[in-house]
Amino acid sequence: MHAFIAALGFGIVTAAILAIASVGFTLQFGATNIFNLAFGSTMTASAFVAYVATEANLGLWGAVVFGALFGTVFSVLLNRAVYLPFVKRGARLFEMIIVAIAVTLLISNIIQAVWGASFFTLKLAPTPALNFGALAFTRDELGIIGVAVAAMLCVHALLHHTRLGQAMRATATNPALARNCGIPTTRVIDVVWAVSGLLCGLGGVALVLVTTSFNPQTGTEFIIPILAVAVLGGIGQPYGAMLGAVVIGLMTQLSALVISPEYKQAVAFVTLVVVLLLRPQGILSEVAEQKEVVA
C-alpha cells in the first residue's frame, strides 16, 4: 500500500510537468500546424540555462526565471528564423516534421558540444518533505504542482477572457479568415510561440528539478510522453492536453509497481500507439480533424 501511495504522489508530480509541457506543445500546433518535435530539445536547453543560473548562485527562482525566459525567446526566434521561411515556401506537415527533427539533432549536438555528454544536477539545497495524509511531497514538487495549476488557469483566462485569446483561437481555426477580418495573425503567432516557449522553459526546469540527474538528451526523450499526452487529449486541444497529462502521468508511475521503472517511457509509447490505432483524433478531436492530422 505504501508503494502505491508513493507512486500516486510521483504520478501527480509527473502529471503536473506533463501538463505544463504538453499544453505548450499543443498550443504551438493548434495555431501554426507545425509538429514541433524540437520542443523536447528546447526543454533541455532551458534546463541547462537553469543549471548555469544555479552555478551562478541565483537559486531556485533564478533558475526558473532564466529557464522560462530562454524558452520564450528561443521559441519565437526558432519559429521566425527556421520554421516560418519553410512555411512561406509552402512546406506541408510531413516536411515540417523533417525540419523539426533536424532542429532537434542540431540543438542536442550543440548542447553536447558545450557541456559534454556527462550527467548534471541542479545545485540546490534539499527541501524537506511535507505530508498530506498518506501523500508526501517536497517543497520543490509542491512548487511544480502549484506552477502547473497556475499555468493552466492562466491559459484558460488567456484563451477565453481576453481579446488576444480570441485572436489566437480564430487564428488556430482559420488563419486566412482571421487575416481577412483584420487580425494580425503574424503577431498572434509570435505570441503563441512566446507563450508555448514559456511553458516549454518552465517544463524543462520542472523536469530536471525532480530527476536525479539530466544530460543533453533528457528533454528529447521526454518528447514521447508529451506526444502521448497531446495525441490522447486531441492534438491542438489545450484542455485535452490537461486531461491527457493526468492520465499519462498516473499511468506511467503506477505501471512501475507492476513492471520495472525503466519501462515507464515504454508505457507512454505503447499508449501513444494504442491511441493512434483506436482513436487517432484523441478525446477532443476537432483540431486534429481540421488540421488534417486524421481523417
Protein backbone atom coordinates (compact mmCIF):
# COMPACT_ATOMS: atom_id res chain seq x y z
CA MET A 1 0.00 0.00 0.00
CA HIS A 2 2.86 2.36 0.83
CA ALA A 3 4.39 1.75 -2.62
CA PHE A 4 1.06 2.56 -4.26
CA ILE A 5 0.74 5.85 -2.34
CA ALA A 6 4.31 6.81 -3.24
CA ALA A 7 3.71 6.03 -6.91
CA LEU A 8 0.49 8.04 -6.80
CA GLY A 9 2.41 11.02 -5.47
CA PHE A 10 5.06 10.71 -8.19
CA GLY A 11 2.26 10.37 -10.73
CA ILE A 12 0.70 13.66 -9.64
CA VAL A 13 4.05 15.44 -9.98
CA THR A 14 4.68 13.83 -13.38
CA ALA A 15 1.19 14.85 -14.49
CA ALA A 16 1.95 18.45 -13.48
CA ILE A 17 5.16 18.51 -15.53
CA LEU A 18 3.41 16.89 -18.50
CA ALA A 19 0.55 19.39 -18.28
CA ILE A 20 2.94 22.36 -18.41
CA ALA A 21 4.89 20.96 -21.36
CA SER A 22 2.09 19.35 -23.39
CA VAL A 23 -0.19 22.39 -23.24
CA GLY A 24 2.67 24.46 -24.65
CA PHE A 25 3.29 21.85 -27.35
CA THR A 26 -0.35 21.62 -28.38
CA LEU A 27 -0.80 25.42 -28.39
CA GLN A 28 2.00 25.63 -30.94
CA PHE A 29 0.45 23.03 -33.18
CA GLY A 30 -3.07 24.38 -32.87
CA ALA A 31 -2.05 27.85 -34.06
CA THR A 32 0.70 27.02 -36.56
CA ASN A 33 0.13 23.45 -37.80
CA ILE A 34 3.81 22.78 -37.02
CA PHE A 35 4.52 19.48 -35.26
CA ASN A 36 7.45 20.88 -33.30
CA LEU A 37 9.45 17.80 -32.31
CA ALA A 38 12.26 20.17 -31.26
CA PHE A 39 10.11 21.02 -28.22
CA GLY A 40 11.91 18.42 -26.10
CA SER A 41 15.40 19.63 -27.01
CA THR A 42 14.28 23.20 -26.24
CA MET A 43 13.25 21.94 -22.80
CA THR A 44 16.75 20.52 -22.39
CA ALA A 45 18.36 23.80 -23.43
CA SER A 46 16.18 25.65 -20.91
CA ALA A 47 17.24 23.18 -18.23
CA PHE A 48 20.91 23.87 -18.96
CA VAL A 49 20.25 27.61 -18.74
CA ALA A 50 18.71 26.90 -15.32
CA TYR A 51 21.84 24.88 -14.47
CA VAL A 52 24.03 27.87 -15.33
CA ALA A 53 21.82 30.05 -13.11
CA THR A 54 22.28 27.70 -10.15
CA GLU A 55 26.03 27.59 -10.76
CA ALA A 56 25.96 31.40 -10.52
CA ASN A 57 24.22 31.05 -7.11
CA LEU A 58 20.98 32.62 -8.34
CA GLY A 59 18.93 29.99 -6.51
CA LEU A 60 15.77 28.17 -7.48
CA TRP A 61 13.78 31.20 -8.61
CA GLY A 62 16.70 32.46 -10.68
CA ALA A 63 16.83 29.07 -12.40
CA VAL A 64 13.08 29.13 -13.05
CA VAL A 65 13.06 32.71 -14.37
CA PHE A 66 16.05 32.33 -16.67
CA GLY A 67 14.96 28.89 -17.91
CA ALA A 68 11.48 30.18 -18.73
CA LEU A 69 12.86 33.37 -20.31
CA PHE A 70 15.20 31.36 -22.51
CA GLY A 71 12.39 29.06 -23.64
CA THR A 72 10.24 32.08 -24.53
CA VAL A 73 12.84 33.96 -26.54
CA PHE A 74 14.35 30.90 -28.20
CA SER A 75 10.96 29.56 -29.34
CA VAL A 76 10.00 32.85 -31.00
CA LEU A 77 13.39 33.08 -32.73
CA LEU A 78 13.21 29.42 -33.78
CA ASN A 79 9.90 29.99 -35.49
CA ARG A 80 10.99 33.24 -37.14
CA ALA A 81 14.41 32.03 -38.29
CA VAL A 82 13.74 28.38 -39.19
CA TYR A 83 10.11 27.31 -39.40
CA LEU A 84 8.47 30.42 -40.89
CA PRO A 85 10.70 30.51 -44.02
CA PHE A 86 9.74 26.90 -44.78
CA VAL A 87 6.05 27.64 -44.20
CA LYS A 88 6.23 30.59 -46.60
CA ARG A 89 7.70 28.25 -49.22
CA GLY A 90 4.65 26.00 -48.89
CA ALA A 91 6.14 23.20 -46.76
CA ARG A 92 3.43 20.83 -45.53
CA LEU A 93 3.06 18.91 -42.28
CA PHE A 94 5.37 16.00 -43.11
CA GLU A 95 8.10 18.28 -44.47
CA MET A 96 7.93 20.40 -41.30
CA ILE A 97 8.34 17.25 -39.19
CA ILE A 98 11.61 16.54 -41.03
CA VAL A 99 12.75 20.11 -40.39
CA ALA A 100 11.84 19.77 -36.70
CA ILE A 101 13.84 16.52 -36.41
CA ALA A 102 16.85 18.29 -37.95
CA VAL A 103 16.46 21.15 -35.45
CA THR A 104 16.27 18.64 -32.59
CA LEU A 105 19.53 16.99 -33.65
CA LEU A 106 21.19 20.38 -34.05
CA ILE A 107 20.17 21.64 -30.60
CA SER A 108 21.12 18.37 -28.90
CA ASN A 109 24.53 18.31 -30.52
CA ILE A 110 25.21 21.96 -29.65
CA ILE A 111 24.34 21.26 -26.02
CA GLN A 112 26.59 18.22 -26.01
CA ALA A 113 29.42 20.17 -27.65
CA VAL A 114 29.21 22.88 -24.96
CA TRP A 115 28.62 20.75 -21.85
CA GLY A 116 29.68 17.28 -22.94
CA ALA A 117 27.78 14.01 -22.58
CA SER A 118 28.02 13.95 -18.78
CA PHE A 119 25.18 13.98 -16.28
CA PHE A 120 24.32 17.14 -14.34
CA THR A 121 22.19 18.13 -11.37
CA LEU A 122 20.84 21.47 -10.25
CA LYS A 123 22.82 22.52 -7.19
CA LEU A 124 20.00 23.42 -4.86
CA ALA A 125 19.57 22.80 -1.16
CA PRO A 126 17.40 19.74 -0.46
CA THR A 127 13.92 20.54 0.78
CA PRO A 128 12.05 18.59 3.47
CA ALA A 129 9.01 16.51 2.65
CA LEU A 130 5.57 17.73 3.66
CA ASN A 131 2.87 15.18 4.44
CA PHE A 132 -0.71 15.45 3.21
CA GLY A 133 -2.33 12.43 4.75
CA ALA A 134 -0.56 9.43 3.27
CA LEU A 135 0.97 11.50 0.45
CA ALA A 136 4.32 13.23 0.86
CA PHE A 137 5.76 15.96 -1.39
CA THR A 138 8.91 18.05 -1.20
CA ARG A 139 8.58 21.81 -1.47
CA ASP A 140 10.02 21.66 -4.99
CA GLU A 141 7.35 19.15 -6.00
CA LEU A 142 4.61 21.27 -4.45
CA GLY A 143 6.01 24.26 -6.31
CA ILE A 144 5.81 22.33 -9.59
CA ILE A 145 2.19 21.35 -8.92
CA GLY A 146 1.37 24.96 -8.00
CA VAL A 147 3.05 26.30 -11.15
CA ALA A 148 1.14 23.77 -13.27
CA VAL A 149 -2.21 24.75 -11.76
CA ALA A 150 -1.42 28.47 -12.14
CA ALA A 151 -0.26 27.97 -15.73
CA MET A 152 -3.43 26.07 -16.68
CA LEU A 153 -5.63 28.77 -15.13
CA CYS A 154 -3.66 31.48 -16.96
CA VAL A 155 -4.01 29.63 -20.28
CA HIS A 156 -7.76 29.31 -19.73
CA ALA A 157 -8.07 33.00 -18.85
CA LEU A 158 -5.97 33.98 -21.86
CA LEU A 159 -7.97 31.90 -24.33
CA HIS A 160 -11.44 32.75 -23.11
CA HIS A 161 -11.31 36.11 -21.35
CA THR A 162 -9.02 38.29 -23.49
CA ARG A 163 -9.18 39.71 -27.00
CA LEU A 164 -5.75 38.23 -27.62
CA GLY A 165 -7.10 34.79 -26.74
CA GLN A 166 -10.00 35.25 -29.14
CA ALA A 167 -7.49 36.20 -31.85
CA MET A 168 -5.41 33.12 -31.02
CA ARG A 169 -8.43 30.82 -31.29
CA ALA A 170 -9.53 32.47 -34.54
CA THR A 171 -6.03 32.10 -35.99
CA ALA A 172 -5.92 28.45 -34.97
CA THR A 173 -9.34 27.74 -36.50
CA ASN A 174 -8.93 29.55 -39.84
CA PRO A 175 -5.80 31.69 -40.35
CA ALA A 176 -6.90 33.06 -43.75
CA LEU A 177 -10.31 34.14 -42.48
CA ALA A 178 -8.78 35.65 -39.35
CA ARG A 179 -6.34 37.64 -41.50
CA ASN A 180 -9.17 38.89 -43.73
CA CYS A 181 -11.05 40.01 -40.60
CA GLY A 182 -8.16 42.28 -39.68
CA ILE A 183 -6.43 40.07 -37.10
CA PRO A 184 -2.62 40.49 -37.28
CA THR A 185 -2.01 36.76 -37.50
CA THR A 186 1.79 37.07 -37.69
CA ARG A 187 1.89 38.91 -34.36
CA VAL A 188 -0.62 36.49 -32.86
CA ILE A 189 1.53 33.53 -33.89
CA ASP A 190 4.56 35.23 -32.31
CA VAL A 191 2.58 35.48 -29.07
CA VAL A 192 1.60 31.81 -29.34
CA TRP A 193 5.24 30.81 -29.71
CA ALA A 194 6.18 33.05 -26.79
CA VAL A 195 3.50 31.54 -24.52
CA SER A 196 4.29 27.98 -25.57
CA GLY A 197 8.02 28.71 -25.22
CA LEU A 198 7.42 29.99 -21.70
CA LEU A 199 5.65 26.74 -20.85
CA CYS A 200 8.43 24.79 -22.56
CA GLY A 201 11.07 26.52 -20.44
CA LEU A 202 9.08 26.00 -17.25
CA GLY A 203 8.55 22.35 -18.17
CA GLY A 204 12.27 21.84 -18.79
CA VAL A 205 13.24 23.30 -15.42
CA ALA A 206 10.48 21.37 -13.63
CA LEU A 207 11.60 18.13 -15.27
CA VAL A 208 15.21 18.37 -14.07
CA LEU A 209 14.14 19.52 -10.61
CA VAL A 210 12.60 16.12 -9.90
CA THR A 211 15.15 13.93 -11.69
CA THR A 212 18.30 12.66 -10.03
CA SER A 213 20.40 13.91 -12.94
CA PHE A 214 19.98 15.03 -16.54
CA ASN A 215 22.02 15.05 -19.75
CA PRO A 216 21.75 16.62 -23.23
CA GLN A 217 19.13 14.01 -24.23
CA THR A 218 16.77 14.30 -21.25
CA GLY A 219 14.20 16.60 -22.83
CA THR A 220 14.41 14.84 -26.18
CA GLU A 221 13.49 11.55 -24.51
CA PHE A 222 10.63 13.26 -22.67
CA ILE A 223 9.00 14.16 -26.00
CA ILE A 224 7.47 10.65 -26.13
CA PRO A 225 5.14 11.14 -23.12
CA ILE A 226 4.42 14.69 -24.34
CA LEU A 227 3.29 13.29 -27.69
CA ALA A 228 1.27 10.61 -25.93
CA VAL A 229 -0.49 13.29 -23.87
CA ALA A 230 -1.10 15.54 -26.89
CA VAL A 231 -2.48 12.72 -29.04
CA LEU A 232 -4.59 11.25 -26.24
CA GLY A 233 -6.15 14.61 -25.44
CA GLY A 234 -6.61 15.56 -29.08
CA ILE A 235 -3.73 17.27 -30.84
CA GLY A 236 -4.12 21.04 -30.75
CA GLN A 237 -6.51 20.93 -27.77
CA PRO A 238 -5.09 22.56 -24.60
CA TYR A 239 -7.88 21.16 -22.41
CA GLY A 240 -7.39 17.70 -23.87
CA ALA A 241 -3.68 18.01 -23.06
CA MET A 242 -4.51 18.82 -19.44
CA LEU A 243 -6.70 15.73 -19.20
CA GLY A 244 -4.19 13.56 -21.05
CA ALA A 245 -1.39 14.71 -18.73
CA VAL A 246 -3.26 13.37 -15.70
CA VAL A 247 -3.92 10.03 -17.41
CA ILE A 248 -0.38 9.51 -18.75
CA GLY A 249 1.31 10.88 -15.62
CA LEU A 250 -0.52 8.50 -13.30
CA MET A 251 -0.33 5.58 -15.74
CA THR A 252 3.45 5.75 -16.20
CA GLN A 253 4.18 5.99 -12.48
CA LEU A 254 1.66 3.40 -11.31
CA SER A 255 2.84 0.97 -14.00
CA ALA A 256 6.25 0.99 -12.29
CA LEU A 257 4.64 -1.06 -9.50
CA VAL A 258 3.90 -3.86 -11.95
CA ILE A 259 6.90 -3.64 -14.27
CA SER A 260 10.36 -2.12 -13.94
CA PRO A 261 10.53 1.69 -13.61
CA GLU A 262 12.91 1.60 -16.58
CA TYR A 263 9.92 0.89 -18.83
CA LYS A 264 7.90 3.98 -17.94
CA GLN A 265 8.80 5.57 -21.28
CA ALA A 266 7.73 2.36 -22.99
CA VAL A 267 4.33 2.61 -21.30
CA ALA A 268 3.89 6.10 -22.73
CA PHE A 269 4.97 4.88 -26.17
CA VAL A 270 2.58 1.92 -26.09
CA THR A 271 -0.22 4.27 -25.02
CA LEU A 272 0.61 6.52 -27.96
CA VAL A 273 0.48 3.58 -30.39
CA VAL A 274 -2.81 2.28 -28.97
CA VAL A 275 -4.46 5.70 -29.18
CA LEU A 276 -3.24 6.13 -32.76
CA LEU A 277 -4.73 2.75 -33.66
CA LEU A 278 -8.07 3.05 -31.85
CA ARG A 279 -8.83 6.77 -31.71
CA PRO A 280 -6.20 8.83 -33.57
CA GLN A 281 -8.25 12.02 -33.22
CA GLY A 282 -7.94 11.83 -29.42
CA ILE A 283 -10.50 12.65 -26.74
CA LEU A 284 -11.17 16.14 -28.12
CA SER A 285 -10.93 15.70 -31.87
CA GLU A 286 -11.94 18.97 -33.54
CA VAL A 287 -8.49 20.46 -34.11
CA ALA A 288 -6.92 17.19 -35.26
CA GLU A 289 -9.60 16.83 -37.94
CA GLN A 290 -9.39 20.48 -39.03
CA LYS A 291 -5.59 20.26 -39.36
CA GLU A 292 -5.89 17.04 -41.37
CA VAL A 293 -3.82 15.07 -38.88
CA VAL A 294 -6.53 12.42 -39.01
CA ALA A 295 -9.28 11.67 -41.49
